[in-house]
N, C-alpha and C. Protein backbone atom coordinates (compact mmCIF):
# COMPACT_ATOMS: atom_id res chain seq x y z
N MET A 1 129.87 105.05 98.53
CA MET A 1 130.07 103.48 98.90
C MET A 1 128.40 103.12 99.40
N LEU A 2 128.10 101.78 99.06
CA LEU A 2 126.95 101.18 99.34
C LEU A 2 126.97 100.73 100.77
N THR A 3 125.69 101.51 101.80
CA THR A 3 126.15 100.95 102.93
C THR A 3 124.53 100.41 103.46
N CYS A 4 123.61 100.48 102.57
CA CYS A 4 121.95 100.18 102.89
C CYS A 4 121.71 99.46 101.74
N VAL A 5 120.91 98.56 102.21
CA VAL A 5 120.14 97.73 100.94
C VAL A 5 118.62 97.66 101.60
N ILE A 6 117.80 98.23 100.56
CA ILE A 6 116.36 98.14 100.86
C ILE A 6 115.53 97.21 100.13
N PHE A 7 114.56 96.63 100.57
CA PHE A 7 113.80 95.45 100.09
C PHE A 7 112.29 95.77 99.87
N ASP A 8 111.85 95.43 98.51
CA ASP A 8 110.20 95.37 98.93
C ASP A 8 109.99 93.85 99.35
N VAL A 9 108.79 93.77 99.96
CA VAL A 9 108.47 92.45 100.31
C VAL A 9 107.66 91.63 99.56
N ASP A 10 106.49 91.64 99.17
CA ASP A 10 106.09 90.84 98.08
C ASP A 10 106.72 90.87 96.63
N GLY A 11 106.92 89.54 96.45
CA GLY A 11 107.59 89.25 95.03
C GLY A 11 109.33 89.33 95.22
N THR A 12 109.80 89.93 96.41
CA THR A 12 111.09 89.96 96.70
C THR A 12 111.58 89.32 97.89
N LEU A 13 111.01 89.51 98.89
CA LEU A 13 111.54 88.49 100.22
C LEU A 13 110.66 87.42 100.46
N ILE A 14 109.42 87.45 100.19
CA ILE A 14 108.34 86.39 100.27
C ILE A 14 107.55 86.45 98.99
N ASP A 15 106.97 85.17 98.73
CA ASP A 15 106.23 85.02 97.48
C ASP A 15 104.83 84.84 97.70
N THR A 16 104.06 85.92 97.65
CA THR A 16 102.74 86.11 97.95
C THR A 16 101.50 85.93 96.79
N GLU A 17 102.40 85.57 95.59
CA GLU A 17 101.22 85.92 94.47
C GLU A 17 100.20 85.02 94.46
N VAL A 18 100.38 83.70 94.92
CA VAL A 18 98.81 82.79 94.74
C VAL A 18 98.13 83.35 95.65
N MET A 19 98.49 83.85 96.83
CA MET A 19 97.37 84.25 98.01
C MET A 19 96.88 85.52 97.81
N VAL A 20 97.39 86.59 96.92
CA VAL A 20 96.86 87.79 96.64
C VAL A 20 96.07 87.40 95.62
N LYS A 21 96.41 86.79 94.49
CA LYS A 21 95.85 86.68 93.21
C LYS A 21 94.28 85.72 93.27
N LYS A 22 94.53 84.62 94.27
CA LYS A 22 93.36 83.83 94.39
C LYS A 22 92.11 84.79 95.04
N SER A 23 92.35 85.25 96.19
CA SER A 23 91.73 85.88 97.23
C SER A 23 91.24 87.06 96.36
N LEU A 24 91.46 87.97 95.19
CA LEU A 24 91.39 89.02 94.58
C LEU A 24 90.10 88.48 93.71
N GLN A 25 90.72 87.20 93.06
CA GLN A 25 89.77 86.85 91.99
C GLN A 25 88.32 86.58 92.52
N ARG A 26 88.24 86.02 93.86
CA ARG A 26 86.81 85.85 94.63
C ARG A 26 86.11 87.08 94.69
N ILE A 27 86.96 88.08 95.41
CA ILE A 27 86.18 89.16 95.42
C ILE A 27 85.94 90.14 94.18
N LEU A 28 86.76 89.93 93.01
CA LEU A 28 86.13 90.44 91.73
C LEU A 28 84.83 89.97 91.35
N LEU A 29 84.80 88.55 91.48
CA LEU A 29 83.74 87.74 90.83
C LEU A 29 82.60 88.34 91.90
N GLU A 30 82.69 88.48 93.08
CA GLU A 30 81.42 88.98 93.81
C GLU A 30 81.11 90.22 93.36
N GLU A 31 82.19 91.00 93.15
CA GLU A 31 81.94 92.76 93.33
C GLU A 31 81.56 92.81 91.28
N THR A 32 82.19 92.33 90.71
CA THR A 32 81.92 92.60 89.37
C THR A 32 81.02 91.82 88.52
N GLN A 33 80.98 90.31 88.82
CA GLN A 33 80.32 89.07 88.18
C GLN A 33 81.34 89.14 86.99
N LYS A 34 82.88 89.11 87.21
CA LYS A 34 83.59 88.80 86.09
C LYS A 34 84.69 87.91 86.65
N GLU A 35 85.33 86.94 85.76
CA GLU A 35 86.43 86.19 86.12
C GLU A 35 87.85 86.76 85.46
N TYR A 36 88.78 86.64 86.05
CA TYR A 36 89.77 87.23 86.08
C TYR A 36 90.98 86.05 86.18
N SER A 37 92.06 85.90 84.99
CA SER A 37 93.03 85.13 85.00
C SER A 37 94.08 85.18 85.93
N PHE A 38 95.09 84.89 86.48
CA PHE A 38 96.26 85.12 87.02
C PHE A 38 97.07 86.20 86.04
N PRO A 39 97.32 86.23 84.87
CA PRO A 39 97.96 87.16 84.01
C PRO A 39 96.89 88.47 84.09
N ASP A 40 95.63 88.15 83.98
CA ASP A 40 94.99 89.61 84.10
C ASP A 40 95.35 90.51 85.25
N LEU A 41 95.82 89.78 86.20
CA LEU A 41 95.92 90.57 87.55
C LEU A 41 97.44 90.49 87.90
N ASP A 42 98.38 90.53 86.93
CA ASP A 42 99.89 90.68 87.07
C ASP A 42 100.16 92.08 87.33
N PHE A 43 99.34 93.41 86.94
CA PHE A 43 99.69 94.45 87.01
C PHE A 43 99.47 95.21 88.77
N ILE A 44 98.69 94.32 89.31
CA ILE A 44 98.42 94.49 90.72
C ILE A 44 99.61 94.27 91.67
N LEU A 45 100.52 93.87 91.51
CA LEU A 45 101.50 93.14 92.16
C LEU A 45 102.48 94.41 92.20
N GLY A 46 102.47 94.74 93.76
CA GLY A 46 103.49 96.15 93.70
C GLY A 46 102.68 97.36 94.32
N ILE A 47 101.33 97.14 94.15
CA ILE A 47 100.53 98.48 94.64
C ILE A 47 99.81 98.28 95.60
N PRO A 48 99.36 99.41 96.46
CA PRO A 48 98.44 99.15 97.76
C PRO A 48 97.21 98.49 97.16
N GLY A 49 96.51 97.64 97.97
CA GLY A 49 95.42 97.13 97.88
C GLY A 49 94.10 98.13 97.50
N HIS A 50 94.05 99.06 98.16
CA HIS A 50 92.92 99.91 97.98
C HIS A 50 92.95 100.72 96.26
N VAL A 51 93.99 100.68 96.02
CA VAL A 51 94.64 101.50 94.90
C VAL A 51 94.08 100.39 93.60
N THR A 52 94.39 98.98 93.91
CA THR A 52 94.04 97.99 92.98
C THR A 52 92.76 97.70 93.00
N LEU A 53 91.96 97.93 94.24
CA LEU A 53 90.32 97.79 94.06
C LEU A 53 89.83 99.19 93.07
N GLN A 54 90.34 100.28 93.39
CA GLN A 54 90.19 101.28 92.76
C GLN A 54 89.86 101.20 91.39
N LYS A 55 91.23 100.44 90.71
CA LYS A 55 91.54 100.47 89.42
C LYS A 55 90.38 99.44 88.85
N PHE A 56 89.47 98.59 89.59
CA PHE A 56 88.53 97.91 88.91
C PHE A 56 87.26 98.28 89.32
N GLY A 57 87.47 99.62 89.98
CA GLY A 57 86.04 100.38 89.62
C GLY A 57 84.99 100.22 91.00
N ILE A 58 85.60 99.20 92.20
CA ILE A 58 85.00 98.90 93.21
C ILE A 58 84.94 100.36 94.31
N ARG A 59 83.74 100.36 94.73
CA ARG A 59 83.38 101.99 95.15
C ARG A 59 83.17 101.57 96.77
N ASN A 60 82.92 100.58 97.24
CA ASN A 60 83.22 100.29 98.81
C ASN A 60 84.35 99.73 99.29
N ILE A 61 85.45 100.87 99.15
CA ILE A 61 86.85 100.14 99.32
C ILE A 61 87.00 99.53 100.74
N GLN A 62 86.91 100.20 101.79
CA GLN A 62 87.09 99.59 103.00
C GLN A 62 86.14 98.69 103.27
N GLU A 63 85.18 98.18 103.11
CA GLU A 63 84.22 96.98 103.10
C GLU A 63 85.08 95.95 102.53
N THR A 64 85.05 96.46 100.91
CA THR A 64 85.77 95.13 100.20
C THR A 64 87.24 95.14 100.66
N SER A 65 88.02 95.82 101.08
CA SER A 65 89.30 95.64 101.65
C SER A 65 89.52 94.54 102.69
N ARG A 66 88.50 94.78 103.76
CA ARG A 66 88.03 93.92 104.96
C ARG A 66 87.77 92.52 104.31
N ARG A 67 86.89 92.23 103.48
CA ARG A 67 86.76 90.75 102.79
C ARG A 67 87.96 90.15 102.31
N TRP A 68 88.26 90.97 101.31
CA TRP A 68 89.48 90.65 100.58
C TRP A 68 90.78 90.22 101.74
N ASN A 69 91.02 90.90 102.82
CA ASN A 69 92.10 90.36 103.31
C ASN A 69 91.60 89.01 104.02
N LYS A 70 90.37 89.35 104.49
CA LYS A 70 89.61 87.83 105.00
C LYS A 70 89.71 86.76 104.27
N TYR A 71 89.63 86.80 102.99
CA TYR A 71 89.98 85.77 101.98
C TYR A 71 91.43 85.31 101.85
N MET A 72 92.17 86.01 102.03
CA MET A 72 93.69 85.78 102.14
C MET A 72 94.11 84.73 103.14
N ILE A 73 93.53 85.04 104.29
CA ILE A 73 93.90 83.74 105.11
C ILE A 73 93.46 82.39 104.71
N ASP A 74 92.69 81.92 103.76
CA ASP A 74 92.19 80.78 103.20
C ASP A 74 93.67 80.23 102.35
N TYR A 75 94.48 81.48 101.95
CA TYR A 75 95.62 80.97 100.99
C TYR A 75 97.09 80.94 101.79
N LYS A 76 97.03 81.02 103.17
CA LYS A 76 98.36 81.71 103.86
C LYS A 76 99.26 80.53 103.76
N ASP A 77 98.80 79.30 103.40
CA ASP A 77 99.34 78.31 103.60
C ASP A 77 100.54 78.23 102.17
N GLN A 78 100.33 78.85 101.50
CA GLN A 78 100.87 78.76 99.65
C GLN A 78 101.73 80.14 100.03
N VAL A 79 102.20 80.93 100.81
CA VAL A 79 103.07 81.84 101.00
C VAL A 79 104.29 81.37 101.73
N THR A 80 105.33 81.58 100.89
CA THR A 80 106.51 81.20 101.15
C THR A 80 107.74 82.27 101.25
N VAL A 81 108.85 82.42 101.97
CA VAL A 81 109.98 82.90 101.81
C VAL A 81 110.75 82.18 100.80
N PHE A 82 111.53 83.39 99.72
CA PHE A 82 112.07 82.76 98.87
C PHE A 82 113.49 82.02 99.33
N ALA A 83 113.94 81.03 98.74
CA ALA A 83 115.06 80.45 98.99
C ALA A 83 116.27 81.31 98.94
N GLY A 84 116.88 81.31 100.12
CA GLY A 84 118.46 82.04 100.26
C GLY A 84 118.00 83.53 100.72
N ILE A 85 116.84 84.05 101.04
CA ILE A 85 116.58 85.40 101.60
C ILE A 85 117.16 85.18 102.98
N GLU A 86 116.70 84.45 103.91
CA GLU A 86 117.14 84.46 105.18
C GLU A 86 118.59 84.65 105.42
N GLU A 87 119.36 83.36 104.88
CA GLU A 87 120.66 83.46 104.93
C GLU A 87 121.19 84.92 104.32
N THR A 88 120.61 85.25 103.29
CA THR A 88 121.33 86.75 103.18
C THR A 88 121.02 87.87 103.91
N LEU A 89 119.80 87.84 104.45
CA LEU A 89 119.75 88.89 105.44
C LEU A 89 120.56 88.72 106.70
N GLN A 90 120.86 87.52 107.24
CA GLN A 90 121.88 87.45 108.24
C GLN A 90 122.75 87.76 107.95
N GLU A 91 123.42 87.49 106.68
CA GLU A 91 124.86 88.09 106.39
C GLU A 91 125.17 89.46 106.15
N LEU A 92 124.17 89.94 105.51
CA LEU A 92 123.97 91.72 105.68
C LEU A 92 124.31 92.09 106.90
N LYS A 93 123.27 91.44 108.01
CA LYS A 93 123.47 92.12 109.32
C LYS A 93 125.00 91.78 109.94
N GLU A 94 125.36 90.55 109.81
CA GLU A 94 126.82 90.27 110.32
C GLU A 94 127.82 91.37 109.53
N LYS A 95 127.50 91.75 108.35
CA LYS A 95 128.60 92.72 107.73
C LYS A 95 128.28 94.39 107.93
N ARG A 96 127.11 94.36 109.06
CA ARG A 96 126.90 95.81 109.54
C ARG A 96 126.29 96.74 108.48
N ILE A 97 125.45 96.15 107.36
CA ILE A 97 125.09 97.08 106.26
C ILE A 97 123.46 96.93 107.04
N THR A 98 123.31 98.35 106.52
CA THR A 98 121.86 98.94 107.06
C THR A 98 120.61 98.19 106.39
N THR A 99 119.70 97.52 106.89
CA THR A 99 118.58 96.81 105.84
C THR A 99 117.85 97.46 106.23
N GLY A 100 116.27 97.45 105.45
CA GLY A 100 114.97 97.44 105.86
C GLY A 100 114.06 97.14 104.48
N ILE A 101 112.83 97.66 104.77
CA ILE A 101 112.04 97.22 103.72
C ILE A 101 110.96 98.86 103.57
N VAL A 102 110.58 98.83 102.30
CA VAL A 102 109.65 99.49 101.90
C VAL A 102 108.78 98.88 101.13
N THR A 103 107.41 98.76 101.48
CA THR A 103 106.39 97.87 101.32
C THR A 103 105.08 98.61 101.29
N SER A 104 103.99 97.97 100.13
CA SER A 104 103.20 98.53 99.55
C SER A 104 102.08 97.87 100.78
N LYS A 105 102.44 97.11 101.72
CA LYS A 105 101.54 96.61 102.64
C LYS A 105 101.32 97.57 103.53
N THR A 106 99.95 97.77 104.18
CA THR A 106 100.11 98.35 105.62
C THR A 106 100.47 97.90 106.46
N SER A 107 100.56 98.50 107.75
CA SER A 107 101.17 97.83 108.79
C SER A 107 100.29 96.65 109.36
N ILE A 108 99.01 96.57 109.28
CA ILE A 108 98.59 95.21 109.68
C ILE A 108 98.36 94.10 108.70
N GLU A 109 98.82 94.54 107.20
CA GLU A 109 99.19 93.19 106.60
C GLU A 109 100.47 93.03 106.89
N LEU A 110 101.78 93.92 106.98
CA LEU A 110 102.90 93.53 107.48
C LEU A 110 102.91 92.30 108.50
N ARG A 111 102.25 92.86 109.55
CA ARG A 111 101.77 92.18 110.78
C ARG A 111 101.48 90.72 110.59
N ASP A 112 100.24 90.40 109.83
CA ASP A 112 99.92 89.31 109.32
C ASP A 112 100.52 88.49 108.57
N ASP A 113 100.97 89.11 107.46
CA ASP A 113 101.52 88.17 106.38
C ASP A 113 103.00 88.07 106.31
N PHE A 114 103.88 88.97 107.01
CA PHE A 114 105.09 89.15 106.83
C PHE A 114 105.83 88.70 108.17
N ILE A 115 105.47 89.45 109.27
CA ILE A 115 106.33 89.13 110.76
C ILE A 115 106.25 87.62 111.11
N PRO A 116 105.31 86.89 110.88
CA PRO A 116 105.01 85.38 111.31
C PRO A 116 106.39 84.62 110.84
N PHE A 117 107.01 85.50 109.57
CA PHE A 117 108.26 84.33 109.17
C PHE A 117 109.56 84.47 109.99
N GLY A 118 109.63 85.82 110.91
CA GLY A 118 110.74 85.86 111.64
C GLY A 118 111.84 86.64 110.72
N LEU A 119 111.32 87.47 110.10
CA LEU A 119 112.68 88.04 109.33
C LEU A 119 112.93 89.38 109.86
N MET A 120 111.79 89.83 110.69
CA MET A 120 112.23 91.34 110.92
C MET A 120 113.47 91.63 111.97
N LYS A 121 113.61 90.36 112.50
CA LYS A 121 115.21 90.73 113.36
C LYS A 121 116.19 91.05 112.58
N TYR A 122 116.39 90.98 111.23
CA TYR A 122 117.31 91.38 110.53
C TYR A 122 117.20 92.29 109.81
N LEU A 123 116.19 93.05 110.11
CA LEU A 123 115.64 94.48 109.41
C LEU A 123 115.69 95.91 110.16
N ASP A 124 116.23 96.44 109.96
CA ASP A 124 116.72 97.98 110.83
C ASP A 124 115.62 98.94 110.64
N PHE A 125 114.99 99.19 109.63
CA PHE A 125 113.80 100.14 109.49
C PHE A 125 112.88 99.44 108.43
N TYR A 126 111.64 100.26 108.63
CA TYR A 126 110.61 99.66 107.79
C TYR A 126 109.64 100.96 107.32
N VAL A 127 108.73 101.05 106.17
CA VAL A 127 108.01 102.11 105.98
C VAL A 127 107.02 101.10 105.22
N CYS A 128 105.64 101.38 105.71
CA CYS A 128 104.39 100.78 105.41
C CYS A 128 103.62 101.72 104.34
N ALA A 129 102.50 100.89 103.77
CA ALA A 129 101.79 101.81 103.28
C ALA A 129 100.95 103.17 103.53
N ASP A 130 100.84 102.71 105.04
CA ASP A 130 100.25 103.92 106.14
C ASP A 130 101.23 104.84 106.49
N ASP A 131 102.42 104.67 106.40
CA ASP A 131 103.45 105.79 106.88
C ASP A 131 103.56 106.99 105.75
N THR A 132 102.84 106.80 104.68
CA THR A 132 103.07 107.73 103.49
C THR A 132 101.73 108.14 102.91
N ALA A 133 101.52 109.56 102.52
CA ALA A 133 100.14 109.60 101.76
C ALA A 133 100.17 109.02 100.64
N LYS A 134 101.05 109.35 100.03
CA LYS A 134 101.55 108.58 98.42
C LYS A 134 102.33 107.45 98.35
N HIS A 135 102.21 106.85 97.45
CA HIS A 135 102.46 105.28 97.69
C HIS A 135 103.31 104.99 96.01
N LYS A 136 104.15 104.06 95.97
CA LYS A 136 104.87 103.47 94.90
C LYS A 136 103.92 103.56 93.73
N PRO A 137 103.88 104.02 92.69
CA PRO A 137 105.47 104.38 92.15
C PRO A 137 106.01 105.70 92.59
N ASN A 138 105.47 106.58 93.20
CA ASN A 138 105.86 107.81 94.01
C ASN A 138 106.90 107.67 94.81
N PRO A 139 107.84 108.16 94.77
CA PRO A 139 109.37 108.31 95.84
C PRO A 139 109.04 108.42 97.54
N ASP A 140 107.70 108.77 97.49
CA ASP A 140 107.81 109.15 98.80
C ASP A 140 108.41 108.12 99.90
N PRO A 141 107.39 106.78 99.82
CA PRO A 141 107.98 105.60 100.89
C PRO A 141 109.59 105.51 100.78
N ILE A 142 110.37 105.68 100.00
CA ILE A 142 111.82 105.35 99.87
C ILE A 142 112.18 106.70 100.41
N LEU A 143 111.78 107.76 99.92
CA LEU A 143 112.30 108.92 100.99
C LEU A 143 112.01 109.12 102.07
N LYS A 144 110.86 108.54 102.63
CA LYS A 144 110.56 108.56 103.84
C LYS A 144 111.67 107.33 104.35
N PHE A 145 111.82 106.43 104.26
CA PHE A 145 112.70 105.41 104.55
C PHE A 145 114.13 106.07 104.45
N LEU A 146 114.90 106.83 103.97
CA LEU A 146 116.07 107.43 104.11
C LEU A 146 115.90 108.44 105.26
N GLU A 147 114.77 109.37 105.65
CA GLU A 147 114.57 110.07 106.54
C GLU A 147 114.60 109.53 107.88
N LYS A 148 114.23 108.15 107.82
CA LYS A 148 114.05 107.44 109.07
C LYS A 148 115.47 106.97 109.44
N SER A 149 116.17 106.55 108.38
CA SER A 149 117.37 105.70 108.63
C SER A 149 118.42 106.62 108.68
N GLY A 150 118.61 107.75 108.08
CA GLY A 150 119.51 109.08 108.07
C GLY A 150 120.38 108.54 106.95
N ILE A 151 120.18 107.54 105.95
CA ILE A 151 120.74 107.13 104.90
C ILE A 151 120.75 107.84 103.83
N LEU A 152 121.70 108.37 103.22
CA LEU A 152 121.85 109.20 101.81
C LEU A 152 121.47 108.14 100.68
N ALA A 153 120.85 109.02 99.93
CA ALA A 153 120.59 108.40 98.73
C ALA A 153 121.53 107.79 97.64
N GLU A 154 122.71 108.11 97.74
CA GLU A 154 123.81 107.26 97.15
C GLU A 154 124.37 106.30 97.60
N GLN A 155 123.75 106.35 98.96
CA GLN A 155 124.52 105.20 99.93
C GLN A 155 123.49 103.75 99.77
N ALA A 156 122.47 104.02 98.79
CA ALA A 156 121.29 102.64 99.48
C ALA A 156 121.34 102.20 98.10
N ILE A 157 120.66 101.33 97.70
CA ILE A 157 119.92 100.62 96.47
C ILE A 157 118.57 100.00 97.22
N TYR A 158 117.75 99.94 96.43
CA TYR A 158 116.50 99.07 96.31
C TYR A 158 116.12 97.91 95.51
N ILE A 159 115.91 96.98 96.57
CA ILE A 159 115.68 95.90 95.57
C ILE A 159 114.18 95.32 95.47
N GLY A 160 113.67 95.27 94.40
CA GLY A 160 112.21 95.07 93.70
C GLY A 160 112.18 94.24 92.75
N ASP A 161 110.92 93.78 92.09
CA ASP A 161 110.31 92.94 91.32
C ASP A 161 109.58 93.68 90.44
N THR A 162 108.89 94.72 90.74
CA THR A 162 107.92 95.57 89.60
C THR A 162 108.35 96.64 89.32
N ILE A 163 107.74 97.43 88.16
CA ILE A 163 108.07 98.59 87.38
C ILE A 163 107.72 99.72 88.64
N TYR A 164 106.59 99.40 89.47
CA TYR A 164 106.41 100.28 90.68
C TYR A 164 107.80 100.55 91.49
N ASP A 165 108.42 99.64 91.65
CA ASP A 165 109.43 99.70 92.51
C ASP A 165 110.63 100.21 91.58
N TYR A 166 111.01 100.04 90.78
CA TYR A 166 111.77 100.89 90.00
C TYR A 166 111.47 102.16 89.82
N GLN A 167 110.46 102.51 89.46
CA GLN A 167 110.00 104.17 89.32
C GLN A 167 110.15 104.76 90.60
N ALA A 168 109.70 104.21 91.63
CA ALA A 168 109.66 104.95 92.78
C ALA A 168 111.38 104.94 93.30
N ALA A 169 112.24 104.09 93.17
CA ALA A 169 113.38 104.17 93.52
C ALA A 169 114.27 105.25 92.33
N THR A 170 113.95 104.98 91.24
CA THR A 170 114.48 106.12 90.31
C THR A 170 114.33 107.62 90.73
N SER A 171 112.90 107.81 91.07
CA SER A 171 112.70 109.15 91.33
C SER A 171 113.17 109.56 92.49
N ALA A 172 113.40 108.54 93.47
CA ALA A 172 114.00 109.09 94.83
C ALA A 172 115.70 109.19 94.84
N ASN A 173 116.47 108.95 93.31
CA ASN A 173 117.53 109.05 93.02
C ASN A 173 118.21 107.58 93.92
N VAL A 174 117.62 106.92 94.19
CA VAL A 174 118.54 105.38 95.04
C VAL A 174 118.52 104.33 93.70
N LYS A 175 119.69 103.72 93.84
CA LYS A 175 119.82 102.86 92.70
C LYS A 175 118.72 101.34 92.64
N PHE A 176 118.44 101.21 91.69
CA PHE A 176 117.52 99.64 91.81
C PHE A 176 118.00 98.71 91.24
N ALA A 177 117.96 97.40 91.99
CA ALA A 177 118.45 96.49 91.60
C ALA A 177 117.35 95.26 91.38
N LEU A 178 116.99 94.67 90.22
CA LEU A 178 115.76 93.94 89.99
C LEU A 178 115.97 92.79 90.43
N ALA A 179 114.97 92.32 91.40
CA ALA A 179 115.14 90.70 91.55
C ALA A 179 114.55 89.89 90.95
N GLN A 180 115.04 89.25 89.97
CA GLN A 180 114.45 88.52 88.80
C GLN A 180 114.02 86.94 89.29
N TRP A 181 114.10 86.68 90.55
CA TRP A 181 113.37 85.48 90.92
C TRP A 181 112.04 85.90 91.50
N GLY A 182 111.57 87.10 91.52
CA GLY A 182 110.22 87.53 92.14
C GLY A 182 109.59 88.29 90.55
N ALA A 183 110.38 88.49 89.72
CA ALA A 183 109.72 89.80 88.51
C ALA A 183 109.13 88.84 87.75
N LYS A 184 108.20 89.54 86.88
CA LYS A 184 107.44 88.85 85.87
C LYS A 184 108.02 89.25 84.67
N ASN A 185 108.49 90.67 84.54
CA ASN A 185 109.14 91.07 83.65
C ASN A 185 110.04 92.12 83.60
N SER A 186 110.61 92.59 83.00
CA SER A 186 111.70 94.09 83.22
C SER A 186 111.29 95.01 81.91
N GLU A 187 109.99 95.22 81.58
CA GLU A 187 109.74 95.96 80.24
C GLU A 187 109.52 97.25 81.15
N GLY A 188 110.33 98.13 80.48
CA GLY A 188 110.30 99.83 80.83
C GLY A 188 111.16 100.01 82.10
N MET A 189 112.21 99.11 82.14
CA MET A 189 113.22 99.10 83.59
C MET A 189 114.41 99.25 82.74
N LYS A 190 115.29 100.03 83.31
CA LYS A 190 116.74 99.90 83.22
C LYS A 190 117.24 100.27 84.51
N PRO A 191 117.32 98.92 85.29
CA PRO A 191 117.94 98.73 86.55
C PRO A 191 119.54 98.98 86.68
N PHE A 192 119.88 99.29 87.56
CA PHE A 192 121.23 99.55 88.29
C PHE A 192 121.98 98.51 87.59
N ILE A 193 121.23 97.19 88.30
CA ILE A 193 121.69 95.57 88.22
C ILE A 193 120.67 94.67 88.39
N GLN A 194 120.84 93.27 87.43
CA GLN A 194 119.44 92.50 87.44
C GLN A 194 120.32 91.39 88.63
N ILE A 195 119.55 90.84 89.53
CA ILE A 195 120.16 89.75 90.45
C ILE A 195 119.17 88.39 90.01
N GLU A 196 119.65 87.56 89.76
CA GLU A 196 119.20 86.19 89.41
C GLU A 196 118.65 85.65 90.53
N LYS A 197 119.65 85.54 91.74
CA LYS A 197 118.60 84.66 93.09
C LYS A 197 118.97 85.66 94.01
N PRO A 198 118.53 85.31 95.14
CA PRO A 198 119.20 86.15 96.45
C PRO A 198 120.42 85.80 97.16
N GLN A 199 120.72 84.36 96.75
CA GLN A 199 121.81 83.90 97.08
C GLN A 199 123.15 84.97 96.58
N ASN A 200 123.13 85.62 95.28
CA ASN A 200 123.77 86.59 94.52
C ASN A 200 124.07 87.66 95.12
N ILE A 201 123.21 88.12 95.92
CA ILE A 201 122.90 89.55 96.31
C ILE A 201 124.20 90.17 96.94
N LEU A 202 124.98 89.67 97.61
CA LEU A 202 126.04 90.27 98.31
C LEU A 202 127.29 90.27 97.27
N ALA A 203 127.60 89.40 96.34
CA ALA A 203 128.83 89.02 95.59
C ALA A 203 128.33 90.10 94.57
N ASP A 204 127.18 90.08 94.02
CA ASP A 204 126.61 91.41 92.82
C ASP A 204 126.62 92.49 93.32
N LEU A 205 126.50 92.96 94.51
CA LEU A 205 126.48 94.28 94.69
C LEU A 205 127.99 94.48 95.44
N LYS A 206 128.83 93.65 95.35
CA LYS A 206 130.04 94.05 95.94
C LYS A 206 130.22 94.09 97.66
N ILE A 207 129.61 93.60 98.31
CA ILE A 207 129.27 94.15 99.63
C ILE A 207 130.05 93.41 100.70
N SER A 208 130.89 94.16 101.42
CA SER A 208 132.20 93.34 102.12
C SER A 208 131.57 94.04 103.30
N ASP A 209 132.36 93.62 104.69
CA ASP A 209 132.26 94.33 105.72
C ASP A 209 132.43 95.75 105.93
N LEU A 210 131.67 96.54 106.53
CA LEU A 210 131.97 97.80 107.04
C LEU A 210 133.12 98.07 107.75
C-alpha cells in the first residue's frame, strides 16, 4: 500500500530552470570564454552544482559555486511554484500521507531557493545534497530518506523530472513517477507512471485517506 510520496524539488515542485541556466551561462562565459545555449545545459538539471561545474572542467569549485549562487539571486523573481503543487501537498497532508523531498540542492540552497515559498509545512522529511556522500543518480539520498522516515521502499513513490531521479529511485527499489509538467524528455526511463500535472497526483496514484 502506498503511504509515502517523495518529491524532487527543481522541475517538480518549483520551476527554477531560468534561474539556474542563466546564472550558469554567466559563470561558464567567465570561466571558459564559451557561450552555452539553454538546450546545451539541459543535462545539468537534477544534479548537484559542484558536479555540474566539474563536468565543465572548472577547477576552483568552491569559489565558482559561491559566485554562481550569488548570480542566481539576480534571477530569483523568475522562480515559481508549479500550478497545483501547494493544493496537492495540502491534500496529501490531510489524507495523512507521509510526504517529503529528496533534492540535489544543498541545505543552504534549499533555505534560499525553496523555503521562502512556504511549502515546508506540508513536508514531513527532507534530504539535501549535503546529507549524503553520494548523490542522484546514486540511490543513497532516497535510501537516507527511507531511513529517516521509517518508510519501507515498497510503500513509497518518488516523483521527479529527470533521468537522475528515475535512476536513483529504481536503484533504491522505490517506484518512480515522471512529473511530465517539468520533464524535458523521458528517454531512457520506464516510470511506474507518468503524471501530466500536479492536480492529477492523488487520482493517478489512487491515494485515499489512511
